[in-house]
Amino acid sequence: MGFGREAAEELGIPEVQFWTASACGLMGYLQYPELIKKGIVSFKDWIQGMRNIRLKDIPSFIRTTDPEDILLNYLKEEAQNCLKSSAIIFNTFDALEDEVLQAISSKFPHIYTLGPVSLLAWNVIGDKAKLLNSSLWKEDRECLKWLDQRESKSVVYVNYGCVTVMTDQHLKEFAWGLANSKRPFLWIVRPDVVMGDSAILPQGFLEETKDRGMVASWCPQ
């Protein structure tokens, strides 16, 4: 939170930001002022260290027609606040985000990587780490056993995430698209993925795909 940095500055003590998301995430937020200044334009290869970046790849809070949007400006200010800290610690590792880390360090040299933090839990509390879970849905772990029986790189994985919704017709069209592909697939269908209703697969779909498809309500992330 921004007030933490301001309090540290007032007291004359060092303050280090821990950015729990990726380095690319911070780099994206840092572009908000420039995007607002330029307007919505194509900016392929525009962000240093993030080749082929597209507007839709920037964190979605930018998608507003109001330049005074509260959340937009809050995130813009918080990202800029990070650059006023004594240092920034990222929940990432160098090999994963080397280019963007170098780009950030060229503007703000005091950065450190400490991640992925989730793996540290196993070293700290052992088996109890299994209790730590950030999933918004109950995981169906049977799909992992099913995947273990398939050849490597042979399965199509389809997951809409935890927020996206669609119409019943869209769900049915997607189902038959998977069926007609004739490819093995793991399809994650949340109970609430259909707007205003429960997700119901089309009649005959499971029978058609039973030998090569797996449908689960959620899977380990």
Protein backbone atom coordinates (compact mmCIF):
# COMPACT_ATOMS: atom_id res chain seq x y z
CA MET A 1 0.00 0.00 0.00
CA GLY A 2 1.27 3.46 -0.89
CA PHE A 3 0.89 4.88 2.61
CA GLY A 4 3.51 2.40 3.88
CA ARG A 5 6.15 3.89 1.62
CA GLU A 6 5.11 7.42 2.57
CA ALA A 7 5.32 6.59 6.28
CA ALA A 8 8.80 5.11 5.83
CA GLU A 9 9.90 8.19 3.90
CA GLU A 10 8.60 10.46 6.66
CA LEU A 11 10.47 8.45 9.31
CA GLY A 12 13.63 8.32 7.23
CA ILE A 13 13.86 4.52 7.15
CA PRO A 14 14.36 2.14 4.18
CA GLU A 15 11.26 0.55 2.73
CA VAL A 16 11.21 -2.46 0.41
CA GLN A 17 8.25 -3.40 -1.79
CA PHE A 18 7.36 -7.09 -2.21
CA TRP A 19 5.59 -7.42 -5.57
CA THR A 20 3.75 -10.73 -5.33
CA ALA A 21 2.82 -10.85 -9.01
CA SER A 22 5.23 -11.21 -11.92
CA ALA A 23 7.81 -8.68 -13.04
CA CYS A 24 5.88 -8.42 -16.32
CA GLY A 25 2.85 -7.43 -14.26
CA LEU A 26 4.63 -4.45 -12.71
CA MET A 27 6.12 -3.46 -16.06
CA GLY A 28 2.62 -3.48 -17.53
CA TYR A 29 1.22 -1.28 -14.75
CA LEU A 30 4.12 1.14 -15.16
CA GLN A 31 2.95 1.82 -18.74
CA TYR A 32 -0.46 3.15 -17.68
CA PRO A 33 0.52 6.85 -17.71
CA GLU A 34 2.02 6.54 -21.18
CA LEU A 35 -0.99 4.60 -22.51
CA ILE A 36 -3.32 7.28 -21.21
CA LYS A 37 -1.17 9.99 -22.76
CA LYS A 38 -0.99 8.27 -26.17
CA GLY A 39 -4.49 6.87 -26.30
CA ILE A 40 -5.34 3.35 -27.35
CA VAL A 41 -2.93 2.56 -30.16
CA SER A 42 -1.01 -0.43 -31.43
CA PHE A 43 2.25 -0.69 -29.51
CA LYS A 44 3.78 -3.98 -30.57
CA ASP A 45 7.35 -4.24 -29.23
CA TRP A 46 6.79 -0.92 -27.45
CA ILE A 47 7.46 -2.03 -23.87
CA GLN A 48 11.14 -2.70 -23.25
CA GLY A 49 11.82 -6.33 -22.38
CA MET A 50 8.35 -7.56 -23.43
CA ARG A 51 8.49 -8.48 -27.12
CA ASN A 52 5.26 -8.71 -29.12
CA ILE A 53 3.17 -7.33 -26.27
CA ARG A 54 -0.43 -6.52 -27.26
CA LEU A 55 -2.95 -4.20 -25.65
CA LYS A 56 -5.05 -7.15 -24.55
CA ASP A 57 -2.02 -8.58 -22.70
CA ILE A 58 -1.79 -5.55 -20.40
CA PRO A 59 -3.64 -6.08 -17.03
CA SER A 60 -7.33 -5.61 -17.83
CA PHE A 61 -7.94 -2.66 -15.50
CA ILE A 62 -6.68 -0.46 -18.38
CA ARG A 63 -9.84 -1.27 -20.35
CA THR A 64 -11.88 1.80 -19.47
CA THR A 65 -13.11 4.82 -21.39
CA ASP A 66 -12.78 7.05 -18.32
CA PRO A 67 -9.27 8.46 -17.72
CA GLU A 68 -10.40 9.36 -14.19
CA ASP A 69 -11.41 5.76 -13.37
CA ILE A 70 -10.63 5.18 -9.67
CA LEU A 71 -9.12 1.71 -10.03
CA LEU A 72 -7.10 2.71 -13.09
CA ASN A 73 -5.51 5.64 -11.29
CA TYR A 74 -5.01 3.70 -8.07
CA LEU A 75 -3.03 0.99 -9.87
CA LYS A 76 -1.09 3.58 -11.87
CA GLU A 77 -0.05 5.38 -8.68
CA GLU A 78 0.80 2.18 -6.78
CA ALA A 79 3.05 0.96 -9.60
CA GLN A 80 4.85 4.30 -9.70
CA ASN A 81 5.17 4.17 -5.90
CA CYS A 82 7.25 1.01 -6.21
CA LEU A 83 9.94 3.00 -8.00
CA LYS A 84 10.24 5.31 -4.98
CA SER A 85 11.05 2.43 -2.61
CA SER A 86 14.50 1.41 -1.40
CA ALA A 87 14.15 -1.87 -3.32
CA ILE A 88 11.61 -4.16 -4.97
CA ILE A 89 11.40 -7.92 -4.40
CA PHE A 90 9.61 -9.93 -7.09
CA ASN A 91 7.83 -13.25 -6.75
CA THR A 92 9.66 -14.67 -9.79
CA PHE A 93 13.08 -15.98 -10.84
CA ASP A 94 15.66 -14.66 -13.29
CA ALA A 95 15.41 -17.43 -15.89
CA LEU A 96 11.65 -16.94 -16.22
CA GLU A 97 11.58 -13.17 -16.77
CA ASP A 98 15.15 -12.26 -17.63
CA GLU A 99 14.41 -9.63 -20.28
CA VAL A 100 11.80 -7.70 -18.35
CA LEU A 101 13.88 -7.83 -15.16
CA GLN A 102 16.79 -6.32 -17.06
CA ALA A 103 14.49 -3.64 -18.44
CA ILE A 104 13.21 -2.75 -14.97
CA SER A 105 16.72 -2.78 -13.47
CA SER A 106 17.88 -0.28 -16.11
CA LYS A 107 15.43 2.21 -14.61
CA PHE A 108 15.48 0.97 -11.01
CA PRO A 109 18.59 -1.08 -10.14
CA HIS A 110 17.59 -2.25 -6.65
CA ILE A 111 15.51 -5.29 -7.57
CA TYR A 112 15.68 -8.85 -6.24
CA THR A 113 13.95 -12.09 -7.18
CA LEU A 114 12.60 -14.50 -4.60
CA GLY A 115 10.32 -17.02 -6.17
CA PRO A 116 8.21 -18.78 -6.87
CA VAL A 117 7.31 -18.21 -3.22
CA SER A 118 4.78 -21.06 -3.24
CA LEU A 119 7.65 -23.57 -3.45
CA LEU A 120 9.18 -22.20 -0.24
CA ALA A 121 6.18 -23.45 1.73
CA TRP A 122 7.34 -27.05 1.31
CA ASN A 123 10.67 -26.22 2.95
CA VAL A 124 9.05 -24.37 5.83
CA ILE A 125 6.10 -26.53 6.87
CA GLY A 126 6.47 -29.78 4.93
CA ASP A 127 3.29 -31.73 4.28
CA LYS A 128 1.21 -29.00 5.89
CA ALA A 129 1.89 -26.98 2.76
CA LYS A 130 -0.85 -29.06 1.13
CA LEU A 131 -3.23 -27.00 3.24
CA LEU A 132 -2.12 -23.83 1.46
CA ASN A 133 -4.30 -23.32 -1.57
CA SER A 134 -5.28 -20.18 -3.44
CA SER A 135 -7.78 -21.90 -5.77
CA LEU A 136 -11.21 -20.31 -5.84
CA TRP A 137 -12.80 -23.70 -6.60
CA LYS A 138 -12.51 -27.19 -5.15
CA GLU A 139 -9.92 -29.09 -7.18
CA ASP A 140 -10.74 -32.37 -8.91
CA ARG A 141 -7.42 -34.21 -8.69
CA GLU A 142 -8.68 -37.24 -10.64
CA CYS A 143 -7.81 -35.38 -13.82
CA LEU A 144 -4.10 -35.62 -12.88
CA LYS A 145 -4.34 -39.42 -12.78
CA TRP A 146 -6.04 -39.31 -16.17
CA LEU A 147 -3.28 -37.07 -17.58
CA ASP A 148 -0.59 -39.44 -16.29
CA GLN A 149 -2.01 -42.12 -18.59
CA ARG A 150 -1.61 -39.95 -21.70
CA GLU A 151 1.43 -39.38 -23.87
CA SER A 152 3.40 -36.19 -23.28
CA LYS A 153 2.15 -33.18 -25.29
CA SER A 154 -0.83 -35.12 -26.64
CA VAL A 155 -3.71 -33.50 -24.72
CA VAL A 156 -5.58 -30.28 -25.54
CA TYR A 157 -6.11 -28.32 -22.30
CA VAL A 158 -9.10 -25.97 -22.16
CA ASN A 159 -9.78 -23.74 -19.15
CA TYR A 160 -11.68 -20.44 -19.13
CA GLY A 161 -10.20 -19.37 -15.79
CA CYS A 162 -12.16 -18.46 -12.68
CA VAL A 163 -14.06 -15.41 -13.98
CA THR A 164 -15.09 -15.83 -17.64
CA VAL A 165 -18.70 -16.77 -18.40
CA MET A 166 -20.49 -17.64 -21.62
CA THR A 167 -23.90 -18.48 -23.02
CA ASP A 168 -25.35 -21.97 -23.08
CA GLN A 169 -25.10 -21.96 -26.89
CA HIS A 170 -21.41 -21.03 -26.74
CA LEU A 171 -20.76 -23.92 -24.36
CA LYS A 172 -22.49 -26.39 -26.68
CA GLU A 173 -20.60 -25.14 -29.73
CA PHE A 174 -17.31 -25.45 -27.88
CA ALA A 175 -18.21 -28.96 -26.75
CA TRP A 176 -18.88 -30.18 -30.27
CA GLY A 177 -15.77 -28.40 -31.49
CA LEU A 178 -13.71 -30.49 -29.08
CA ALA A 179 -15.60 -33.63 -30.08
CA ASN A 180 -15.02 -33.00 -33.79
CA SER A 181 -11.31 -32.33 -33.25
CA LYS A 182 -10.84 -36.04 -32.52
CA ARG A 183 -8.02 -35.05 -30.12
CA PRO A 184 -7.60 -36.10 -26.47
CA PHE A 185 -8.62 -33.19 -24.24
CA LEU A 186 -8.92 -32.03 -20.64
CA TRP A 187 -11.76 -29.53 -20.40
CA ILE A 188 -12.36 -27.56 -17.21
CA VAL A 189 -16.03 -26.55 -16.94
CA ARG A 190 -16.88 -24.55 -13.82
CA PRO A 191 -20.44 -24.98 -12.48
CA ASP A 192 -21.06 -21.25 -13.02
CA VAL A 193 -19.41 -20.88 -16.42
CA VAL A 194 -22.81 -20.44 -18.13
CA MET A 195 -24.37 -17.04 -17.46
CA GLY A 196 -27.30 -17.29 -15.08
CA ASP A 197 -27.48 -21.08 -15.19
CA SER A 198 -25.62 -24.29 -14.43
CA ALA A 199 -23.27 -25.63 -17.07
CA ILE A 200 -24.98 -28.52 -18.86
CA LEU A 201 -23.09 -30.38 -21.58
CA PRO A 202 -25.01 -31.28 -24.74
CA GLN A 203 -26.68 -34.67 -24.93
CA GLY A 204 -24.41 -37.32 -26.43
CA PHE A 205 -21.19 -35.35 -25.90
CA LEU A 206 -19.78 -37.47 -23.07
CA GLU A 207 -20.60 -40.70 -24.89
CA GLU A 208 -18.93 -39.40 -28.06
CA THR A 209 -15.72 -38.42 -26.25
CA LYS A 210 -15.53 -40.92 -23.37
CA ASP A 211 -12.42 -42.69 -24.70
CA ARG A 212 -10.33 -39.55 -25.24
CA GLY A 213 -11.79 -36.72 -23.18
CA MET A 214 -11.86 -35.69 -19.52
CA VAL A 215 -14.22 -33.06 -18.15
CA ALA A 216 -13.59 -31.68 -14.65
CA SER A 217 -15.09 -28.82 -12.65
CA TRP A 218 -11.65 -27.47 -11.68
CA CYS A 219 -8.06 -28.68 -11.61
CA PRO A 220 -4.89 -27.92 -9.62
CA GLN A 221 -3.34 -24.67 -10.81
